[in-house]
Amino acid sequence: MAKKMAGKNATKNVVKKNSDKKDLKSSSADVKTSKNSKTAKPEKTIMQPDKKITESKSKQKAKPTVVANGHLVSIDYVGTLGNGEEFDSSKNHGPIQFVVGSGQVIKGFDTAVVGMKVNDKKKFTIKKHEAYGDVNPSMVQVIPLARIPEHVKSQLKVGGFLVMQAPTGQQIPAKVIKLDKENVSLDMNHPLAGKDLTFDIKIVDINHAPENFGQGHDGCDCGEECGDDCKDEACGPDCGCGK
């Protein structure tokens, strides 16, 4: 689902889709290895938000009983693929917490919780076009080994992962799909791209969202750490805020 299913920086929860980022072009020159580049296997946390949202300080409003857009919800979940393989679960890191309709999670998950109540359970499948989309061939890039730091190069292996850095500064885990003496081929598609996702969920809590939620970057209402250039007029496909 949690723009996070693979890699600490792979995706922001079910929040962002790497395949949608227009700032990642087919030219390998547009992608840099992070200063702290290292090989790493993505951790399964696509559902987990980048930062914990604090509950609203306002205690004057009665807590909502039915989930609607704008509500802060906490949800237990288990995510599986079509073959039954579990790709993520709240039992690994606790309930996911997000504001419904804010774009923090993938669209299919966001809409599925509307109308539910505390302790309600639901099982549903999100088709790939409402999850991480199709595999994007332009997200596969060939990088000269000369551009890879020696301490990272020695650890490269087919099937492993390398943390890359886009021009915006966003770090993206890339899977090594081919390796020879001169180049390494990296697939920067989200690990769940091209897949339908099934979720078993339970509503743990429903509350009002904080009044100042999503105003952390110079007036930008994205609510994400999307960079210094993220302002009202700058929000868009290249911003990194997921709008």
C-alpha atoms as a PDB file:
ATOM      1  CA  MET A   1       0.000   0.000   0.000  1.00  0.00           C
ATOM      2  CA  ALA A   2       2.938   2.255   3.398  1.00  0.00           C
ATOM      3  CA  LYS A   3       4.251   5.916  -0.700  1.00  0.00           C
ATOM      4  CA  LYS A   4       6.493   1.263   2.640  1.00  0.00           C
ATOM      5  CA  MET A   5       6.945  -2.068   1.756  1.00  0.00           C
ATOM      6  CA  ALA A   6      10.472  -2.179   0.871  1.00  0.00           C
ATOM      7  CA  GLY A   7      13.373  -0.238   2.183  1.00  0.00           C
ATOM      8  CA  LYS A   8      13.289   2.434   4.753  1.00  0.00           C
ATOM      9  CA  ASN A   9      13.139   4.962   1.958  1.00  0.00           C
ATOM     10  CA  ALA A  10      11.535   2.797  -0.684  1.00  0.00           C
ATOM     11  CA  THR A  11       8.201   4.153  -0.461  1.00  0.00           C
ATOM     12  CA  LYS A  12       6.384   6.293   1.897  1.00  0.00           C
ATOM     13  CA  ASN A  13       3.957   3.771   3.195  1.00  0.00           C
ATOM     14  CA  VAL A  14       1.251   3.044   0.948  1.00  0.00           C
ATOM     15  CA  VAL A  15       1.883   6.596   0.255  1.00  0.00           C
ATOM     16  CA  LYS A  16       4.004   7.252  -2.768  1.00  0.00           C
ATOM     17  CA  LYS A  17       4.623   5.385  -5.932  1.00  0.00           C
ATOM     18  CA  ASN A  18       8.163   5.504  -7.252  1.00  0.00           C
ATOM     19  CA  SER A  19       6.847   4.641 -10.690  1.00  0.00           C
ATOM     20  CA  ASP A  20       5.041   7.979 -10.739  1.00  0.00           C
ATOM     21  CA  LYS A  21       8.078  10.139 -10.061  1.00  0.00           C
ATOM     22  CA  LYS A  22       8.754  12.220 -13.153  1.00  0.00           C
ATOM     23  CA  ASP A  23      12.136  13.327 -11.860  1.00  0.00           C
ATOM     24  CA  LEU A  24      13.561   9.854 -12.374  1.00  0.00           C
ATOM     25  CA  LYS A  25      14.409   9.783 -16.057  1.00  0.00           C
ATOM     26  CA  SER A  26      15.778   6.994 -18.212  1.00  0.00           C
ATOM     27  CA  SER A  27      19.238   8.549 -18.291  1.00  0.00           C
ATOM     28  CA  SER A  28      21.519   7.077 -15.672  1.00  0.00           C
ATOM     29  CA  ALA A  29      23.064  10.526 -15.266  1.00  0.00           C
ATOM     30  CA  ASP A  30      19.923  11.666 -13.473  1.00  0.00           C
ATOM     31  CA  VAL A  31      20.411   9.281 -10.599  1.00  0.00           C
ATOM     32  CA  LYS A  32      23.207   9.496  -8.056  1.00  0.00           C
ATOM     33  CA  THR A  33      24.357   7.081  -5.452  1.00  0.00           C
ATOM     34  CA  SER A  34      23.633   8.429  -1.993  1.00  0.00           C
ATOM     35  CA  LYS A  35      26.565   9.713   0.036  1.00  0.00           C
ATOM     36  CA  ASN A  36      25.714   6.939   2.415  1.00  0.00           C
ATOM     37  CA  SER A  37      25.004   4.414  -0.322  1.00  0.00           C
ATOM     38  CA  LYS A  38      24.926   0.857   0.833  1.00  0.00           C
ATOM     39  CA  THR A  39      23.456  -2.399  -0.217  1.00  0.00           C
ATOM     40  CA  ALA A  40      20.413  -3.309   1.789  1.00  0.00           C
ATOM     41  CA  LYS A  41      17.416  -5.553   1.622  1.00  0.00           C
ATOM     42  CA  PRO A  42      14.207  -3.500   1.827  1.00  0.00           C
ATOM     43  CA  GLU A  43      12.398  -3.928   5.075  1.00  0.00           C
ATOM     44  CA  LYS A  44       8.710  -4.685   4.860  1.00  0.00           C
ATOM     45  CA  THR A  45       7.141  -1.520   6.114  1.00  0.00           C
ATOM     46  CA  ILE A  46       5.181   0.025   3.258  1.00  0.00           C
ATOM     47  CA  MET A  47       2.239   0.589   5.520  1.00  0.00           C
ATOM     48  CA  GLN A  48       4.135   2.424   8.203  1.00  0.00           C
ATOM     49  CA  PRO A  49       4.046   6.258   8.069  1.00  0.00           C
ATOM     50  CA  ASP A  50       7.342   8.181   7.940  1.00  0.00           C
ATOM     51  CA  LYS A  51       6.422   9.980  11.160  1.00  0.00           C
ATOM     52  CA  LYS A  52       3.839   9.282  13.831  1.00  0.00           C
ATOM     53  CA  ILE A  53       0.894  11.625  13.720  1.00  0.00           C
ATOM     54  CA  THR A  54      -0.062  12.976  17.097  1.00  0.00           C
ATOM     55  CA  GLU A  55      -3.700  12.946  18.054  1.00  0.00           C
ATOM     56  CA  SER A  56      -5.643  16.194  18.036  1.00  0.00           C
ATOM     57  CA  LYS A  57      -5.252  18.254  21.176  1.00  0.00           C
ATOM     58  CA  SER A  58      -8.837  19.345  20.916  1.00  0.00           C
ATOM     59  CA  LYS A  59     -10.865  17.445  23.430  1.00  0.00           C
ATOM     60  CA  GLN A  60     -14.012  19.467  22.950  1.00  0.00           C
ATOM     61  CA  LYS A  61     -15.164  17.483  19.938  1.00  0.00           C
ATOM     62  CA  ALA A  62     -16.734  14.096  20.460  1.00  0.00           C
ATOM     63  CA  LYS A  63     -14.722  11.331  18.839  1.00  0.00           C
ATOM     64  CA  PRO A  64     -16.205  10.269  15.488  1.00  0.00           C
ATOM     65  CA  THR A  65     -17.763   6.820  15.355  1.00  0.00           C
ATOM     66  CA  VAL A  66     -17.655   6.251  11.600  1.00  0.00           C
ATOM     67  CA  VAL A  67     -14.584   6.745   9.408  1.00  0.00           C
ATOM     68  CA  ALA A  68     -14.819   9.667   6.982  1.00  0.00           C
ATOM     69  CA  ASN A  69     -12.363  11.801   5.045  1.00  0.00           C
ATOM     70  CA  GLY A  70     -10.298  13.954   7.378  1.00  0.00           C
ATOM     71  CA  HIS A  71     -10.385  11.522  10.282  1.00  0.00           C
ATOM     72  CA  LEU A  72      -7.238  10.212  11.926  1.00  0.00           C
ATOM     73  CA  VAL A  73      -7.468   6.422  12.008  1.00  0.00           C
ATOM     74  CA  SER A  74      -5.389   3.607  13.480  1.00  0.00           C
ATOM     75  CA  ILE A  75      -5.641   0.275  11.696  1.00  0.00           C
ATOM     76  CA  ASP A  76      -4.304  -3.235  12.161  1.00  0.00           C
ATOM     77  CA  TYR A  77      -3.707  -5.036   8.875  1.00  0.00           C
ATOM     78  CA  VAL A  78      -2.148  -7.949   7.068  1.00  0.00           C
ATOM     79  CA  GLY A  79      -1.219  -7.590   3.405  1.00  0.00           C
ATOM     80  CA  THR A  80      -0.883 -10.548   1.038  1.00  0.00           C
ATOM     81  CA  LEU A  81      -0.195 -11.140  -2.641  1.00  0.00           C
ATOM     82  CA  GLY A  82      -2.259 -13.232  -5.021  1.00  0.00           C
ATOM     83  CA  ASN A  83      -0.282 -16.366  -4.138  1.00  0.00           C
ATOM     84  CA  GLY A  84      -0.991 -15.894  -0.445  1.00  0.00           C
ATOM     85  CA  GLU A  85       2.480 -14.568   0.397  1.00  0.00           C
ATOM     86  CA  GLU A  86       2.403 -12.010   3.238  1.00  0.00           C
ATOM     87  CA  PHE A  87       4.256  -8.839   2.249  1.00  0.00           C
ATOM     88  CA  ASP A  88       3.511  -6.650   5.256  1.00  0.00           C
ATOM     89  CA  SER A  89       1.679  -6.670   8.580  1.00  0.00           C
ATOM     90  CA  SER A  90       1.021  -4.316  11.478  1.00  0.00           C
ATOM     91  CA  LYS A  91       2.153  -7.059  13.827  1.00  0.00           C
ATOM     92  CA  ASN A  92       5.681  -6.150  12.717  1.00  0.00           C
ATOM     93  CA  HIS A  93       5.495  -2.483  13.762  1.00  0.00           C
ATOM     94  CA  GLY A  94       2.084  -1.719  15.247  1.00  0.00           C
ATOM     95  CA  PRO A  95      -1.087  -0.233  13.702  1.00  0.00           C
ATOM     96  CA  ILE A  96      -0.770   2.141  10.772  1.00  0.00           C
ATOM     97  CA  GLN A  97      -1.992   5.657  11.542  1.00  0.00           C
ATOM     98  CA  PHE A  98      -3.026   8.116   8.835  1.00  0.00           C
ATOM     99  CA  VAL A  99      -5.524  10.821   7.960  1.00  0.00           C
ATOM    100  CA  VAL A 100      -8.176   9.492   5.603  1.00  0.00           C
ATOM    101  CA  GLY A 101      -8.232  11.235   2.229  1.00  0.00           C
ATOM    102  CA  SER A 102      -4.894  12.986   2.764  1.00  0.00           C
ATOM    103  CA  GLY A 103      -3.030  10.865   0.215  1.00  0.00           C
ATOM    104  CA  GLN A 104      -0.709   9.308   2.767  1.00  0.00           C
ATOM    105  CA  VAL A 105      -1.647   5.805   1.691  1.00  0.00           C
ATOM    106  CA  ILE A 106      -2.380   4.279  -1.697  1.00  0.00           C
ATOM    107  CA  LYS A 107      -5.777   5.221  -3.083  1.00  0.00           C
ATOM    108  CA  GLY A 108      -7.386   1.805  -2.828  1.00  0.00           C
ATOM    109  CA  PHE A 109      -6.560   1.512   0.872  1.00  0.00           C
ATOM    110  CA  ASP A 110      -7.630   5.070   1.610  1.00  0.00           C
ATOM    111  CA  THR A 111     -11.118   4.590   0.145  1.00  0.00           C
ATOM    112  CA  ALA A 112     -11.668   1.128   1.632  1.00  0.00           C
ATOM    113  CA  VAL A 113     -11.774   2.346   5.239  1.00  0.00           C
ATOM    114  CA  VAL A 114     -14.464   5.010   4.727  1.00  0.00           C
ATOM    115  CA  GLY A 115     -17.686   4.072   6.505  1.00  0.00           C
ATOM    116  CA  MET A 116     -16.091   1.601   8.910  1.00  0.00           C
ATOM    117  CA  LYS A 117     -16.372   1.722  12.721  1.00  0.00           C
ATOM    118  CA  VAL A 118     -14.022   0.796  15.572  1.00  0.00           C
ATOM    119  CA  ASN A 119     -13.481  -3.004  15.688  1.00  0.00           C
ATOM    120  CA  ASP A 120     -14.969  -3.421  12.201  1.00  0.00           C
ATOM    121  CA  LYS A 121     -13.045  -5.861  10.038  1.00  0.00           C
ATOM    122  CA  LYS A 122     -12.773  -6.023   6.266  1.00  0.00           C
ATOM    123  CA  LYS A 123     -10.936  -7.985   3.610  1.00  0.00           C
ATOM    124  CA  PHE A 124     -10.446  -6.393   0.213  1.00  0.00           C
ATOM    125  CA  THR A 125      -8.199  -6.535  -2.831  1.00  0.00           C
ATOM    126  CA  ILE A 126      -6.650  -3.443  -4.410  1.00  0.00           C
ATOM    127  CA  LYS A 127      -5.953  -3.752  -8.108  1.00  0.00           C
ATOM    128  CA  LYS A 128      -2.505  -2.682  -9.237  1.00  0.00           C
ATOM    129  CA  HIS A 129      -3.731   0.550 -10.857  1.00  0.00           C
ATOM    130  CA  GLU A 130      -4.901   1.758  -7.422  1.00  0.00           C
ATOM    131  CA  ALA A 131      -1.770   0.458  -5.686  1.00  0.00           C
ATOM    132  CA  TYR A 132       1.679   0.886  -7.285  1.00  0.00           C
ATOM    133  CA  GLY A 133       0.697   0.691 -10.933  1.00  0.00           C
ATOM    134  CA  ASP A 134       2.393  -1.311 -13.660  1.00  0.00           C
ATOM    135  CA  VAL A 135       6.110  -1.933 -13.856  1.00  0.00           C
ATOM    136  CA  ASN A 136       7.685   1.068 -15.590  1.00  0.00           C
ATOM    137  CA  PRO A 137      10.526   0.103 -17.986  1.00  0.00           C
ATOM    138  CA  SER A 138      12.040   3.598 -17.715  1.00  0.00           C
ATOM    139  CA  MET A 139      12.715   2.914 -14.044  1.00  0.00           C
ATOM    140  CA  VAL A 140      15.324   0.341 -15.030  1.00  0.00           C
ATOM    141  CA  GLN A 141      18.699   2.037 -15.454  1.00  0.00           C
ATOM    142  CA  VAL A 142      22.233   0.970 -16.332  1.00  0.00           C
ATOM    143  CA  ILE A 143      24.859   2.580 -14.097  1.00  0.00           C
ATOM    144  CA  PRO A 144      28.621   2.409 -14.822  1.00  0.00           C
ATOM    145  CA  LEU A 145      30.417   0.636 -11.988  1.00  0.00           C
ATOM    146  CA  ALA A 146      32.920   3.494 -12.037  1.00  0.00           C
ATOM    147  CA  ARG A 147      30.234   5.663 -10.434  1.00  0.00           C
ATOM    148  CA  ILE A 148      29.658   3.221  -7.575  1.00  0.00           C
ATOM    149  CA  PRO A 149      31.768   3.676  -4.400  1.00  0.00           C
ATOM    150  CA  GLU A 150      34.269   0.860  -3.929  1.00  0.00           C
ATOM    151  CA  HIS A 151      32.881  -0.206  -0.559  1.00  0.00           C
ATOM    152  CA  VAL A 152      29.450  -0.607  -2.154  1.00  0.00           C
ATOM    153  CA  LYS A 153      30.679  -2.140  -5.388  1.00  0.00           C
ATOM    154  CA  SER A 154      32.248  -5.049  -3.525  1.00  0.00           C
ATOM    155  CA  GLN A 155      28.875  -5.953  -2.031  1.00  0.00           C
ATOM    156  CA  LEU A 156      26.809  -5.826  -5.210  1.00  0.00           C
ATOM    157  CA  LYS A 157      25.076  -9.016  -6.258  1.00  0.00           C
ATOM    158  CA  VAL A 158      22.151  -9.871  -8.501  1.00  0.00           C
ATOM    159  CA  GLY A 159      18.979  -9.857  -6.444  1.00  0.00           C
ATOM    160  CA  GLY A 160      20.449  -7.471  -3.866  1.00  0.00           C
ATOM    161  CA  PHE A 161      19.523  -3.822  -3.340  1.00  0.00           C
ATOM    162  CA  LEU A 162      21.372  -0.536  -3.647  1.00  0.00           C
ATOM    163  CA  VAL A 163      20.117   2.736  -2.168  1.00  0.00           C
ATOM    164  CA  MET A 164      20.074   5.406  -4.889  1.00  0.00           C
ATOM    165  CA  GLN A 165      19.498   9.149  -4.667  1.00  0.00           C
ATOM    166  CA  ALA A 166      17.322  11.069  -7.128  1.00  0.00           C
ATOM    167  CA  PRO A 167      18.025  14.712  -8.138  1.00  0.00           C
ATOM    168  CA  THR A 168      15.424  15.814  -5.559  1.00  0.00           C
ATOM    169  CA  GLY A 169      17.382  14.099  -2.790  1.00  0.00           C
ATOM    170  CA  GLN A 170      14.848  11.313  -2.375  1.00  0.00           C
ATOM    171  CA  GLN A 171      16.508   7.995  -1.584  1.00  0.00           C
ATOM    172  CA  ILE A 172      15.192   4.984  -3.481  1.00  0.00           C
ATOM    173  CA  PRO A 173      16.119   1.325  -3.062  1.00  0.00           C
ATOM    174  CA  ALA A 174      16.991  -0.234  -6.415  1.00  0.00           C
ATOM    175  CA  LYS A 175      17.173  -3.947  -7.108  1.00  0.00           C
ATOM    176  CA  VAL A 176      20.248  -5.268  -8.892  1.00  0.00           C
ATOM    177  CA  ILE A 177      18.955  -7.250 -11.869  1.00  0.00           C
ATOM    178  CA  LYS A 178      22.171  -7.546 -13.902  1.00  0.00           C
ATOM    179  CA  LEU A 179      25.858  -7.148 -13.110  1.00  0.00           C
ATOM    180  CA  ASP A 180      28.940  -7.351 -15.337  1.00  0.00           C
ATOM    181  CA  LYS A 181      32.503  -6.015 -15.275  1.00  0.00           C
ATOM    182  CA  GLU A 182      31.517  -2.519 -16.443  1.00  0.00           C
ATOM    183  CA  ASN A 183      27.901  -1.841 -15.503  1.00  0.00           C
ATOM    184  CA  VAL A 184      25.155  -2.659 -13.032  1.00  0.00           C
ATOM    185  CA  SER A 185      21.489  -2.690 -14.097  1.00  0.00           C
ATOM    186  CA  LEU A 186      19.124  -1.394 -11.423  1.00  0.00           C
ATOM    187  CA  ASP A 187      15.346  -1.689 -11.214  1.00  0.00           C
ATOM    188  CA  MET A 188      13.872   1.234  -9.258  1.00  0.00           C
ATOM    189  CA  ASN A 189      10.252   0.195  -9.631  1.00  0.00           C
ATOM    190  CA  HIS A 190       8.450  -0.259  -6.338  1.00  0.00           C
ATOM    191  CA  PRO A 191       8.729  -3.939  -5.299  1.00  0.00           C
ATOM    192  CA  LEU A 192       4.926  -4.197  -5.430  1.00  0.00           C
ATOM    193  CA  ALA A 193       4.530  -2.585  -8.860  1.00  0.00           C
ATOM    194  CA  GLY A 194       2.414  -4.701 -11.184  1.00  0.00           C
ATOM    195  CA  LYS A 195       0.768  -6.606  -8.319  1.00  0.00           C
ATOM    196  CA  ASP A 196      -2.748  -6.737  -6.893  1.00  0.00           C
ATOM    197  CA  LEU A 197      -2.719  -6.418  -3.099  1.00  0.00           C
ATOM    198  CA  THR A 198      -5.106  -8.044  -0.618  1.00  0.00           C
ATOM    199  CA  PHE A 199      -5.602  -6.676   2.888  1.00  0.00           C
ATOM    200  CA  ASP A 200      -7.290  -7.937   6.036  1.00  0.00           C
ATOM    201  CA  ILE A 201      -7.868  -4.906   8.261  1.00  0.00           C
ATOM    202  CA  LYS A 202      -9.406  -3.963  11.604  1.00  0.00           C
ATOM    203  CA  ILE A 203     -10.224  -0.428  12.738  1.00  0.00           C
ATOM    204  CA  VAL A 204      -8.463   0.197  16.060  1.00  0.00           C
ATOM    205  CA  ASP A 205      -9.297   3.868  16.612  1.00  0.00           C
ATOM    206  CA  ILE A 206     -10.983   6.860  14.953  1.00  0.00           C
ATOM    207  CA  ASN A 207     -10.258  10.454  15.919  1.00  0.00           C
ATOM    208  CA  HIS A 208     -10.171  14.002  14.589  1.00  0.00           C
ATOM    209  CA  ALA A 209      -6.990  14.942  12.753  1.00  0.00           C
ATOM    210  CA  PRO A 210      -4.711  17.617  14.256  1.00  0.00           C
ATOM    211  CA  GLU A 211      -5.662  21.092  13.034  1.00  0.00           C
ATOM    212  CA  ASN A 212      -2.136  21.823  11.824  1.00  0.00           C
ATOM    213  CA  PHE A 213      -1.663  18.509  10.063  1.00  0.00           C
ATOM    214  CA  GLY A 214       0.043  18.814   6.665  1.00  0.00           C
ATOM    215  CA  GLN A 215       1.436  22.319   7.060  1.00  0.00           C
ATOM    216  CA  GLY A 216       5.053  21.483   7.727  1.00  0.00           C
ATOM    217  CA  HIS A 217       6.713  23.000   4.666  1.00  0.00           C
ATOM    218  CA  ASP A 218       6.282  26.704   3.959  1.00  0.00           C
ATOM    219  CA  GLY A 219       2.570  26.520   3.374  1.00  0.00           C
ATOM    220  CA  CYS A 220       2.635  23.259   1.472  1.00  0.00           C
ATOM    221  CA  ASP A 221      -0.230  21.032   2.569  1.00  0.00           C
ATOM    222  CA  CYS A 222       1.420  17.804   1.578  1.00  0.00           C
ATOM    223  CA  GLY A 223       2.369  16.884   5.133  1.00  0.00           C
ATOM    224  CA  GLU A 224       5.485  15.102   3.911  1.00  0.00           C
ATOM    225  CA  GLU A 225       9.209  15.801   4.027  1.00  0.00           C
ATOM    226  CA  CYS A 226       9.280  16.739   0.380  1.00  0.00           C
ATOM    227  CA  GLY A 227      12.160  19.195   0.284  1.00  0.00           C
ATOM    228  CA  ASP A 228      12.913  22.885   0.398  1.00  0.00           C
ATOM    229  CA  ASP A 229      11.238  23.542  -2.963  1.00  0.00           C
ATOM    230  CA  CYS A 230       7.862  22.294  -1.815  1.00  0.00           C
ATOM    231  CA  LYS A 231       5.517  25.272  -1.637  1.00  0.00           C
ATOM    232  CA  ASP A 232       1.934  25.798  -2.741  1.00  0.00           C
ATOM    233  CA  GLU A 233       2.968  26.795  -6.238  1.00  0.00           C
ATOM    234  CA  ALA A 234       5.574  24.074  -6.467  1.00  0.00           C
ATOM    235  CA  CYS A 235       3.485  21.082  -5.436  1.00  0.00           C
ATOM    236  CA  GLY A 236       3.205  18.682  -8.323  1.00  0.00           C
ATOM    237  CA  PRO A 237       4.614  15.450  -9.739  1.00  0.00           C
ATOM    238  CA  ASP A 238       8.185  16.586  -9.146  1.00  0.00           C
ATOM    239  CA  CYS A 239       7.634  17.894  -5.653  1.00  0.00           C
ATOM    240  CA  GLY A 240       7.813  14.607  -3.831  1.00  0.00           C
ATOM    241  CA  CYS A 241       4.781  15.272  -1.659  1.00  0.00           C
ATOM    242  CA  GLY A 242       2.559  12.827  -3.500  1.00  0.00           C
ATOM    243  CA  LYS A 243       0.046  15.396  -4.735  1.00  0.00           C
END
